Amino acid sequence: MTRPTLFIADLHLDPEARPATVELFHAFLRGPAREAKHLYILGDLFEVWVGDDDDSPGWESIFTGLSELVAAGVPASFISGNRDFLAGTGFTERSGCTLLADPTPIDLYGVRTLLTHGDHLCIDDVEHLRFRAHAAQPEVRAAFLARPLPERQAEAQAMRQRSIANKQNKPEAIMDVNPGAVQAALADHEARLMIHGHTHRPALHGEPLERAVLGDWGECGSLLRCSADGTLDLVRLHPDLREEVMASAPLPGRAQR
């Protein structure tokens, strides 16, 4: 039996503030993920990541869980999100994951599929794109990483609080992906399907399917499972690892099972 390919995003892991979500992720790595052909993590694995030298309590168990999954024969790939864009070679060495560019096209059972975190598609959120462009500058990253770890941690928490406050004053619509940006990205990469996270609005869009959006993790998890027969299932993962299929669709060009 061919193993399915799994996609997750927006776990926002924080061992101190969200221990239940961390435990669910560990259970996922020991359970459903072990049956996968490949695991793709599409950004915001962490609530905040201030550099690969961050040795905060709780991180090591997460890296151990990922490296054990890879050692068990399940490749894991990671695209950084807006919370963990500072993940680098230290992250890959500790986790065993392969770091991918954003976006990255893959062949998903014969269908060219574009993987991305998705925040660069929210082009109506001008403030976020301005910050994204600023943070992407090598000199800005280097200056931040040169600061002592406690300073970086304090600054990241302050930025997180400002972000929460700013979101309360933003219209919901501008925090979603822009349809035109989605179409442009698909065309640029000659892809038929896009899979992304970031928006926390899990859904399967289009007939035929054109865009699959991953949900965020909290008390329950969210994953997208693609089976070798060409079926995509959007799944809610309960704390007892019970899977609840929320939506299903065939890959573009593939018949429904």
Protein backbone atom coordinates (compact mmCIF):
# COMPACT_ATOMS: atom_id res chain seq x y z
CA MET A 1 0.00 0.00 0.00
CA THR A 2 1.39 3.38 -1.04
CA ARG A 3 1.76 5.78 1.84
CA PRO A 4 0.00 9.18 1.77
CA THR A 5 1.73 12.54 1.64
CA LEU A 6 0.91 14.84 4.58
CA PHE A 7 0.91 18.63 4.85
CA ILE A 8 0.67 20.73 8.03
CA ALA A 9 1.21 24.41 8.92
CA ASP A 10 0.61 27.02 11.59
CA LEU A 11 1.21 24.91 14.68
CA HIS A 12 2.59 27.93 16.56
CA LEU A 13 4.33 25.64 19.03
CA ASP A 14 5.14 27.21 22.38
CA PRO A 15 6.08 24.72 25.13
CA GLU A 16 5.32 27.19 27.92
CA ALA A 17 2.13 28.83 26.69
CA ARG A 18 0.62 25.98 24.63
CA PRO A 19 1.80 22.65 26.09
CA ALA A 20 -1.30 20.75 24.91
CA THR A 21 -0.56 21.64 21.28
CA VAL A 22 3.04 20.49 21.72
CA GLU A 23 1.81 17.18 23.13
CA LEU A 24 -0.58 16.74 20.21
CA PHE A 25 2.28 17.35 17.80
CA HIS A 26 4.40 14.72 19.55
CA ALA A 27 1.50 12.25 19.32
CA PHE A 28 1.12 13.07 15.63
CA LEU A 29 4.82 12.45 15.00
CA ARG A 30 4.67 9.11 16.82
CA GLY A 31 1.39 8.10 15.16
CA PRO A 32 -0.10 9.29 11.83
CA ALA A 33 3.14 10.85 10.57
CA ARG A 34 4.95 7.50 10.80
CA GLU A 35 2.64 6.17 8.07
CA ALA A 36 3.43 9.01 5.66
CA LYS A 37 5.45 8.94 2.47
CA HIS A 38 6.57 12.52 3.12
CA LEU A 39 5.70 15.24 5.64
CA TYR A 40 5.66 18.87 4.51
CA ILE A 41 5.53 21.63 7.15
CA LEU A 42 4.47 24.88 5.48
CA GLY A 43 5.56 27.49 7.99
CA ASP A 44 4.89 28.81 11.47
CA LEU A 45 5.90 25.60 13.19
CA PHE A 46 6.87 27.81 16.13
CA GLU A 47 5.02 30.68 17.74
CA VAL A 48 8.27 32.59 17.46
CA TRP A 49 11.79 31.62 16.40
CA VAL A 50 14.57 34.12 17.08
CA GLY A 51 17.51 32.14 15.73
CA ASP A 52 19.01 28.68 15.58
CA ASP A 53 20.94 29.27 18.80
CA ASP A 54 17.68 29.47 20.81
CA ASP A 55 18.03 26.80 23.49
CA SER A 56 14.80 27.57 25.34
CA PRO A 57 13.38 24.66 27.39
CA GLY A 58 11.01 22.52 25.36
CA TRP A 59 12.51 23.13 21.92
CA GLU A 60 14.81 20.14 22.07
CA SER A 61 11.98 17.63 22.46
CA ILE A 62 10.36 19.05 19.31
CA PHE A 63 13.59 18.65 17.34
CA THR A 64 14.04 15.15 18.75
CA GLY A 65 10.54 14.18 17.65
CA LEU A 66 11.18 15.43 14.11
CA SER A 67 14.61 13.80 13.83
CA GLU A 68 13.19 10.49 15.08
CA LEU A 69 10.50 10.67 12.39
CA VAL A 70 13.13 11.22 9.71
CA ALA A 71 15.28 8.42 11.14
CA ALA A 72 12.24 6.14 10.91
CA GLY A 73 12.21 6.66 7.15
CA VAL A 74 9.75 9.55 6.69
CA PRO A 75 11.35 12.53 4.91
CA ALA A 76 10.28 15.91 6.33
CA SER A 77 10.51 19.22 4.48
CA PHE A 78 10.04 22.69 5.92
CA ILE A 79 9.09 26.05 4.41
CA SER A 80 9.54 28.86 6.92
CA GLY A 81 6.65 31.15 7.79
CA ASN A 82 6.42 34.70 9.06
CA ARG A 83 6.97 33.47 12.64
CA ASP A 84 10.02 31.28 11.95
CA PHE A 85 11.70 32.88 8.93
CA LEU A 86 15.00 32.89 10.83
CA ALA A 87 15.22 29.09 10.69
CA GLY A 88 18.48 28.12 9.00
CA THR A 89 21.09 25.40 8.86
CA GLY A 90 21.03 24.97 12.64
CA PHE A 91 17.32 24.24 12.44
CA THR A 92 17.84 21.63 9.72
CA GLU A 93 20.69 19.97 11.62
CA ARG A 94 18.64 19.72 14.81
CA SER A 95 15.41 18.57 13.17
CA GLY A 96 16.56 16.47 10.23
CA CYS A 97 14.19 18.47 8.00
CA THR A 98 15.05 19.73 4.54
CA LEU A 99 14.63 23.49 4.23
CA LEU A 100 12.73 24.51 1.09
CA ALA A 101 12.40 27.90 -0.59
CA ASP A 102 9.08 29.73 -0.49
CA PRO A 103 7.42 28.94 -2.83
CA THR A 104 8.51 25.46 -3.99
CA PRO A 105 6.83 23.42 -6.73
CA ILE A 106 6.62 19.64 -6.31
CA ASP A 107 5.20 16.72 -8.28
CA LEU A 108 2.27 15.46 -6.22
CA TYR A 109 1.25 12.12 -7.72
CA GLY A 110 1.60 13.53 -11.22
CA VAL A 111 0.16 16.98 -10.49
CA ARG A 112 2.49 19.99 -10.42
CA THR A 113 1.73 21.58 -7.05
CA LEU A 114 2.99 24.82 -5.56
CA LEU A 115 3.80 24.80 -1.84
CA THR A 116 4.02 28.06 0.11
CA HIS A 117 3.41 29.46 3.55
CA GLY A 118 1.11 31.96 1.86
CA ASP A 119 1.72 35.28 3.55
CA HIS A 120 3.33 36.81 0.44
CA LEU A 121 -0.03 36.31 -1.33
CA CYS A 122 -1.81 38.63 1.14
CA ILE A 123 -0.93 41.62 -1.01
CA ASP A 124 -3.80 43.73 0.36
CA ASP A 125 -2.14 43.71 3.79
CA VAL A 126 0.38 46.40 2.87
CA GLU A 127 1.73 46.73 6.41
CA HIS A 128 2.60 43.03 6.61
CA LEU A 129 4.26 43.02 3.20
CA ARG A 130 6.32 46.05 4.19
CA PHE A 131 7.56 44.24 7.29
CA ARG A 132 8.18 41.07 5.27
CA ALA A 133 10.34 42.93 2.76
CA HIS A 134 12.29 44.69 5.55
CA ALA A 135 12.93 41.45 7.46
CA ALA A 136 14.08 39.67 4.31
CA GLN A 137 17.09 41.98 3.88
CA PRO A 138 20.29 40.06 4.75
CA GLU A 139 21.77 43.00 6.67
CA VAL A 140 18.62 43.33 8.79
CA ARG A 141 18.66 39.63 9.68
CA ALA A 142 22.37 39.69 10.42
CA ALA A 143 22.00 42.68 12.73
CA PHE A 144 19.15 41.05 14.62
CA LEU A 145 20.95 37.70 14.98
CA ALA A 146 24.05 39.50 16.28
CA ARG A 147 22.13 40.72 19.32
CA PRO A 148 22.21 38.65 22.55
CA LEU A 149 19.59 35.90 22.69
CA PRO A 150 17.62 37.42 25.63
CA GLU A 151 17.32 40.72 23.73
CA ARG A 152 16.02 38.92 20.65
CA GLN A 153 13.51 36.97 22.71
CA ALA A 154 12.23 40.12 24.41
CA GLU A 155 11.97 41.98 21.09
CA ALA A 156 10.11 39.08 19.48
CA GLN A 157 7.56 39.01 22.28
CA ALA A 158 7.05 42.77 22.02
CA MET A 159 6.57 42.49 18.26
CA ARG A 160 4.09 39.67 18.78
CA GLN A 161 2.00 41.81 21.13
CA ARG A 162 2.03 44.67 18.62
CA SER A 163 0.94 42.29 15.88
CA ILE A 164 -2.01 41.05 17.95
CA ALA A 165 -3.11 44.62 18.60
CA ASN A 166 -2.76 45.61 14.95
CA LYS A 167 -4.80 42.64 13.73
CA GLN A 168 -7.77 43.77 15.80
CA ASN A 169 -7.95 46.93 13.70
CA LYS A 170 -7.53 45.27 10.29
CA PRO A 171 -10.45 44.23 8.07
CA GLU A 172 -10.65 40.43 7.78
CA ALA A 173 -10.55 40.57 3.98
CA ILE A 174 -7.07 42.07 3.72
CA MET A 175 -5.59 39.28 5.85
CA ASP A 176 -6.61 36.65 3.29
CA VAL A 177 -4.75 35.78 0.11
CA ASN A 178 -5.50 37.88 -2.95
CA PRO A 179 -7.13 35.82 -5.75
CA GLY A 180 -5.11 37.61 -8.40
CA ALA A 181 -1.86 36.89 -6.56
CA VAL A 182 -2.82 33.21 -6.34
CA GLN A 183 -3.48 33.03 -10.08
CA ALA A 184 -0.23 34.81 -10.87
CA ALA A 185 1.79 32.44 -8.67
CA LEU A 186 0.19 29.37 -10.24
CA ALA A 187 0.90 30.72 -13.72
CA ASP A 188 4.49 31.71 -12.89
CA HIS A 189 5.25 28.17 -11.71
CA GLU A 190 3.03 26.40 -14.25
CA ALA A 191 1.24 24.66 -11.38
CA ARG A 192 -2.31 23.31 -11.28
CA LEU A 193 -2.68 23.26 -7.49
CA MET A 194 -1.50 25.43 -4.59
CA ILE A 195 -1.23 24.30 -0.96
CA HIS A 196 -0.64 26.96 1.70
CA GLY A 197 -1.23 27.97 5.30
CA HIS A 198 -0.95 31.33 7.12
CA THR A 199 -4.60 32.44 6.93
CA HIS A 200 -6.00 29.89 9.41
CA ARG A 201 -8.97 29.37 7.07
CA PRO A 202 -8.89 25.65 6.20
CA ALA A 203 -10.76 24.87 3.00
CA LEU A 204 -10.54 23.29 -0.43
CA HIS A 205 -11.19 25.85 -3.17
CA GLY A 206 -12.26 25.37 -6.76
CA GLU A 207 -13.92 22.79 -8.97
CA PRO A 208 -11.63 21.31 -10.14
CA LEU A 209 -9.55 21.84 -7.02
CA GLU A 210 -7.13 24.74 -7.37
CA ARG A 211 -6.14 25.72 -3.81
CA ALA A 212 -5.97 23.82 -0.53
CA VAL A 213 -5.64 25.85 2.67
CA LEU A 214 -4.28 24.29 5.86
CA GLY A 215 -5.74 25.08 9.27
CA ASP A 216 -3.92 26.14 12.42
CA TRP A 217 -3.32 23.94 15.47
CA GLY A 218 -4.71 24.44 18.95
CA GLU A 219 -6.72 21.95 20.98
CA CYS A 220 -7.04 20.02 17.70
CA GLY A 221 -4.65 19.72 14.80
CA SER A 222 -5.19 20.22 11.09
CA LEU A 223 -3.63 18.31 8.23
CA LEU A 224 -4.04 17.71 4.54
CA ARG A 225 -3.64 14.10 3.41
CA CYS A 226 -3.05 13.22 -0.22
CA SER A 227 -3.46 9.56 -1.06
CA ALA A 228 -1.85 7.81 -4.01
CA ASP A 229 -5.29 7.39 -5.60
CA GLY A 230 -5.42 11.16 -6.05
CA THR A 231 -7.73 12.09 -3.18
CA LEU A 232 -7.07 15.08 -0.93
CA ASP A 233 -8.64 14.99 2.53
CA LEU A 234 -8.69 18.01 4.82
CA VAL A 235 -8.57 16.47 8.29
CA ARG A 236 -9.14 17.70 11.83
CA LEU A 237 -6.93 15.77 14.24
CA HIS A 238 -8.42 15.36 17.72
CA PRO A 239 -6.32 14.99 20.89
CA ASP A 240 -6.98 11.22 20.93
CA LEU A 241 -5.70 11.12 17.30
CA ARG A 242 -9.19 10.53 15.95
CA GLU A 243 -9.33 11.92 12.42
CA GLU A 244 -12.36 13.87 11.24
CA VAL A 245 -12.49 14.51 7.49
CA MET A 246 -13.79 18.04 6.94
CA ALA A 247 -13.61 18.14 3.12
CA SER A 248 -12.39 15.97 0.25
CA ALA A 249 -11.61 16.54 -3.40
CA PRO A 250 -9.66 14.80 -6.18
CA LEU A 251 -6.39 16.18 -7.42
CA PRO A 252 -6.91 18.23 -10.60
CA GLY A 253 -7.23 15.86 -13.52
CA ARG A 254 -7.89 12.85 -11.30
CA ALA A 255 -11.30 11.20 -10.88
CA GLN A 256 -12.99 11.13 -7.47
CA ARG A 257 -12.67 7.77 -5.73
